[in-house]
Protein backbone atom coordinates (compact mmCIF):
# COMPACT_ATOMS: atom_id res chain seq x y z
CA MET A 1 288.09 79.05 204.30
CA THR A 2 286.18 78.78 207.57
CA LYS A 3 286.92 81.43 210.17
CA THR A 4 286.73 80.47 213.84
CA SER A 5 287.02 82.46 217.05
CA THR A 6 290.61 81.28 217.55
CA GLU A 7 292.17 82.58 214.37
CA GLY A 8 291.96 85.23 211.67
CA PHE A 9 292.46 83.24 208.48
CA SER A 10 290.56 84.40 205.40
CA LEU A 11 291.27 84.86 201.71
CA SER A 12 291.96 88.55 202.25
CA SER A 13 294.22 88.04 205.27
CA VAL A 14 296.32 85.41 203.46
CA ALA A 15 296.56 87.58 200.32
CA SER A 16 297.55 90.63 202.37
CA ALA A 17 300.20 88.68 204.30
CA LEU A 18 301.67 87.22 201.09
CA GLN A 19 301.84 90.64 199.45
CA SER A 20 303.68 91.94 202.51
CA VAL A 21 306.16 89.03 202.53
CA ILE A 22 306.90 89.35 198.81
CA THR A 23 307.24 93.14 199.05
CA GLY A 24 309.87 92.65 201.75
CA TYR A 25 312.00 90.65 199.30
CA THR A 26 311.25 92.15 195.88
CA GLY A 27 310.03 95.65 196.69
CA ALA A 28 306.55 95.17 195.23
CA GLY A 29 303.72 92.76 195.98
CA PRO A 30 301.73 91.22 193.11
CA ALA A 31 298.01 91.59 192.51
CA LEU A 32 296.33 88.46 193.83
CA GLY A 33 292.96 87.25 192.62
CA LEU A 34 290.32 85.01 194.13
CA VAL A 35 291.18 81.40 194.88
CA PRO A 36 288.38 78.84 194.29
CA LEU A 37 288.50 76.38 197.22
CA VAL A 38 286.69 73.10 196.53
CA ASN A 39 286.03 70.40 199.17
CA LEU A 40 285.38 66.97 197.68
CA CYS A 41 283.96 63.75 199.08
CA PRO A 42 285.83 60.50 198.24
CA ALA A 43 283.75 59.72 195.14
CA CYS A 44 283.98 63.28 193.83
CA TRP A 45 287.72 63.39 194.54
CA GLY A 46 288.29 60.26 192.49
CA LYS A 47 286.19 61.64 189.65
CA GLN A 48 288.09 64.93 189.65
CA ALA A 49 291.45 63.14 189.86
CA ASN A 50 290.60 61.25 186.67
CA VAL A 51 290.29 64.62 184.97
CA TRP A 52 293.86 65.50 186.00
CA ILE A 53 295.19 62.14 184.80
CA VAL A 54 292.71 60.53 182.45
CA GLY A 55 291.75 57.05 183.62
CA ALA A 56 294.46 56.84 186.28
CA GLY A 57 294.13 59.91 188.49
CA ALA A 58 291.94 58.30 191.14
CA GLY A 59 294.69 55.85 192.03
CA VAL A 60 297.55 58.35 191.77
CA TYR A 61 295.87 60.95 193.97
CA ALA A 62 294.03 58.64 196.40
CA ALA A 63 296.23 59.56 199.37
CA ILE A 64 296.95 63.17 198.38
CA PRO A 65 295.27 65.67 200.76
CA ALA A 66 294.99 68.52 198.24
CA LYS A 67 295.88 69.60 194.73
CA THR A 68 296.08 72.95 192.99
CA ALA A 69 295.01 73.25 189.36
CA ASP A 70 294.24 76.22 187.13
CA THR A 71 290.57 75.82 188.06
CA GLY A 72 291.13 76.09 191.82
CA VAL A 73 292.38 74.35 194.95
CA TYR A 74 290.83 70.94 195.60
CA PHE A 75 290.76 69.24 199.01
CA ASN A 76 290.47 65.49 199.60
CA ASN A 77 288.73 66.23 202.88
CA SER A 78 287.92 62.66 203.91
CA LEU A 79 291.59 61.80 204.56
CA ALA A 80 292.81 61.07 208.07
CA ASP A 81 295.41 63.83 207.54
CA TYR A 82 292.76 66.34 208.53
CA ASP A 83 291.62 64.44 211.63
CA SER A 84 292.89 64.82 215.19
CA GLY A 85 291.27 62.52 217.74
CA GLY A 86 287.98 62.45 215.90
CA LYS A 87 287.90 66.21 215.43
CA PRO A 88 289.12 68.39 212.56
CA ASP A 89 292.82 69.21 212.87
CA LEU A 90 292.46 72.95 212.36
CA GLU A 91 296.21 73.55 212.18
CA LYS A 92 296.52 71.00 209.37
CA VAL A 93 293.48 72.44 207.56
CA ARG A 94 294.79 76.01 207.79
CA SER A 95 298.36 75.02 206.90
CA THR A 96 297.18 73.10 203.83
CA CYS A 97 294.94 75.95 202.72
CA VAL A 98 297.74 78.50 202.97
CA HIS A 99 300.22 76.16 201.24
CA GLU A 100 297.89 75.47 198.33
CA MET A 101 296.98 79.14 197.96
CA MET A 102 300.68 79.87 197.43
CA HIS A 103 300.64 77.32 194.61
CA TYR A 104 297.54 78.88 193.07
CA TRP A 105 299.03 82.38 193.08
CA SER A 106 302.37 81.22 191.67
CA HIS A 107 303.23 81.51 187.97
CA ASN A 108 300.57 79.68 185.91
CA HIS A 109 299.56 77.93 189.17
CA GLU A 110 302.70 75.79 188.87
CA GLY A 111 305.56 78.08 189.93
CA LEU A 112 308.92 76.35 189.47
CA GLN A 113 307.52 72.96 188.47
CA PRO A 114 308.44 73.34 184.76
CA TYR A 115 312.09 73.85 185.75
CA GLU A 116 312.43 70.98 188.20
CA GLN A 117 311.32 68.13 185.93
CA GLY A 118 313.84 65.34 186.43
CA LYS A 119 315.67 67.19 189.20
CA ASN A 120 316.39 65.75 192.63
CA VAL A 121 314.93 68.69 194.53
CA HIS A 122 311.34 69.92 194.54
CA TRP A 123 312.26 73.60 194.36
CA ASP A 124 308.62 74.55 193.85
CA GLU A 125 307.59 72.94 197.13
CA CYS A 126 310.59 74.49 198.84
CA VAL A 127 309.57 78.04 197.88
CA THR A 128 305.90 77.27 198.48
CA ASP A 129 306.59 76.18 202.05
CA PHE A 130 309.00 79.08 202.57
CA LEU A 131 306.25 81.56 201.68
CA ALA A 132 303.40 79.64 203.29
CA ARG A 133 305.21 79.36 206.60
CA LYS A 134 305.92 83.12 206.69
CA VAL A 135 302.35 83.94 205.70
CA TYR A 136 300.92 81.49 208.24
CA PHE A 137 302.82 83.05 211.14
CA ALA A 138 302.10 86.57 209.95
CA ILE A 139 298.48 85.72 210.74
CA THR A 140 298.94 83.69 213.92
CA SER A 141 301.81 83.17 216.37
CA ARG A 142 300.09 80.64 218.60
CA GLU A 143 299.96 77.57 216.44
CA ALA A 144 302.11 75.24 214.34
CA TYR A 145 302.49 75.10 210.57
CA LYS A 146 302.00 71.49 209.47
CA THR A 147 303.66 70.46 206.23
CA SER A 148 304.12 67.22 204.33
CA TYR A 149 307.36 68.35 202.73
CA GLY A 150 309.92 67.86 205.46
CA THR A 151 312.28 70.67 206.38
CA MET A 152 313.51 72.20 203.12
CA SER A 153 313.39 75.78 204.44
CA GLU A 154 315.13 74.65 207.63
CA PHE A 155 317.85 72.95 205.59
CA ILE A 156 318.55 76.07 203.55
CA LYS A 157 318.67 78.19 206.72
CA ARG A 158 321.16 75.79 208.29
CA GLN A 159 323.20 75.78 205.07
CA LEU A 160 323.45 79.57 205.07
CA ASP A 161 324.34 79.51 208.77
CA GLN A 162 327.19 77.11 207.98
CA ILE A 163 328.48 79.43 205.26
CA PHE A 164 328.27 82.69 207.16
CA GLN A 165 329.00 81.68 210.75
CA LYS A 166 332.26 79.92 209.89
CA ALA A 167 335.13 81.68 208.12
CA LEU A 168 335.61 80.23 204.66
CA PRO A 169 339.06 79.03 203.59
CA LYS A 170 340.73 81.58 201.33
CA PHE A 171 340.75 79.24 198.36
CA LYS A 172 336.96 78.92 198.67
CA LEU A 173 336.61 82.69 198.66
CA ARG A 174 338.85 83.04 195.61
CA ALA A 175 336.87 80.34 193.81
CA LEU A 176 333.63 82.19 194.49
CA GLN A 177 335.15 85.50 193.45
CA ALA A 178 335.98 83.96 190.08
CA VAL A 179 332.29 83.24 189.44
CA ASN A 180 330.56 86.13 187.75
CA THR A 181 327.14 85.42 189.20
CA ALA A 182 325.14 88.63 189.64
CA PRO A 183 323.90 89.97 192.02
CA PHE A 184 326.25 88.13 194.37
CA ALA A 185 329.68 88.44 192.68
CA LYS A 186 330.42 92.04 193.67
CA ALA A 187 329.43 91.37 197.27
CA PHE A 188 331.80 88.42 197.42
CA ASN A 189 334.62 90.44 195.80
CA ASP A 190 334.19 93.22 198.38
CA LEU A 191 334.74 90.86 201.31
CA ALA A 192 337.70 89.39 203.09
CA PRO A 193 337.03 85.92 204.51
CA THR A 194 336.08 87.44 207.87
CA GLY A 195 333.39 89.44 206.13
CA PHE A 196 331.26 86.34 206.03
CA LEU A 197 330.90 86.62 209.79
CA LYS A 198 329.08 89.93 209.57
CA PRO A 199 325.37 89.32 210.40
CA ASN A 200 324.18 92.12 208.11
CA TYR A 201 325.97 90.54 205.14
CA ARG A 202 324.37 87.16 205.76
CA ASN A 203 320.97 88.87 205.89
CA GLU A 204 321.62 90.74 202.66
CA PHE A 205 322.71 87.55 200.91
CA GLU A 206 319.63 85.69 202.14
CA LYS A 207 317.42 88.57 200.98
CA ALA A 208 319.05 88.45 197.52
CA LEU A 209 318.36 84.72 197.32
CA GLY A 210 314.78 85.30 198.44
CA LYS A 211 314.24 88.03 195.85
CA SER A 212 315.48 85.78 193.06
CA PHE A 213 313.62 82.60 194.02
CA ILE A 214 310.35 84.40 194.80
CA THR A 215 310.52 86.27 191.48
CA TRP A 216 311.15 83.02 189.59
CA TYR A 217 308.30 81.39 191.53
CA MET A 218 305.81 84.17 190.85
CA ASN A 219 306.88 85.08 187.29
CA GLY A 220 308.28 81.82 185.91
CA PRO A 221 311.66 80.04 186.21
CA ASN A 222 312.94 81.53 182.96
CA THR A 223 312.41 85.10 184.14
CA ILE A 224 315.65 87.09 184.12
CA VAL A 225 316.52 88.31 187.62
CA ASP A 226 319.76 90.33 187.78
CA GLY A 227 320.89 88.58 184.60
CA LEU A 228 319.98 85.05 185.73
CA THR A 229 317.31 82.42 185.32
CA ILE A 230 316.91 79.83 188.05
CA GLY A 231 318.75 77.29 185.91
CA THR A 232 321.80 79.47 185.28
CA PHE A 233 322.06 80.36 188.96
CA LEU A 234 321.70 76.82 190.32
CA SER A 235 324.16 75.41 187.79
CA SER A 236 326.80 78.03 188.65
CA ASP A 237 329.60 77.29 191.10
CA LEU A 238 328.01 79.67 193.59
CA GLY A 239 324.60 78.01 193.34
CA GLN A 240 326.17 74.59 193.73
CA PHE A 241 328.20 75.77 196.72
CA VAL A 242 325.24 77.28 198.58
CA PHE A 243 322.88 74.37 198.00
CA GLN A 244 325.30 71.44 198.13
CA GLY A 245 323.63 68.48 199.79
CA LEU A 246 320.07 69.71 199.29
CA ASN A 247 317.86 66.96 197.88
CA ASP A 248 314.53 65.36 198.64
CA ALA A 249 316.11 62.63 200.75
CA SER A 250 318.12 65.05 202.90
CA VAL A 251 315.05 67.00 203.97
CA GLY A 252 312.53 64.19 204.32
CA TYR A 253 310.35 65.11 201.33
CA GLY A 254 306.89 63.66 201.90
CA THR A 255 307.39 63.41 205.68
CA PRO A 256 304.78 65.10 207.92
CA THR A 257 306.60 67.82 209.85
CA VAL A 258 305.56 70.51 212.32
CA LEU A 259 307.30 73.87 211.89
CA HIS A 260 307.04 76.79 214.27
CA SER A 261 307.49 80.51 213.66
CA ALA A 262 309.81 81.34 210.76
């Protein structure tokens, strides 16, 4: 990753920032190895893509700016995505590098992808952008994080705001209390409806969600976190309640979006 006088991005700075972010949610940051970064010309990109999908990859990945595989992170650096008025779009380059490095360091370089096959939400990209955005702004506060995955993290933040800034009807609270979904059930049972308005409780709930999703992302979706896999949590009444309405269409999946500090 090229370092310029206007920023401090490097493999070590990204790794250090990610370890810090993960430690804040799970209590311990993982060991992170080297990430092979490979820039490819159009012909080489097509050739490499045909390795990923034999005989058809060049067409499938023609307009994809980057891809992470177990052998490294590959950049289709001739795309207009990386251009800004005839000059390299450094924010896009840095954002893409950080995003793809999250993928590479995730479980088996594929994070939550094995879980989400056939689902209507790209949970892997959601967590990837959640982490990448935090890492990006841990390194710089002067620039924008440019993503191609819409506003998934923004949607989830707004969804939690809706839950915790408005008092829930009592029947909703009772319904949630009836769901034995650790580690959230006891917290719900300890609250009256007005408890949802307490800022510290919202923060604790968000931290619990972050701990679970980051652990599943880094260790595999079938990892048991407080008695749950990602599938058992998302299929529970509580998981459905928190993430109701979240799908690729609702967040503009595949839409170039500029996000500012997390």
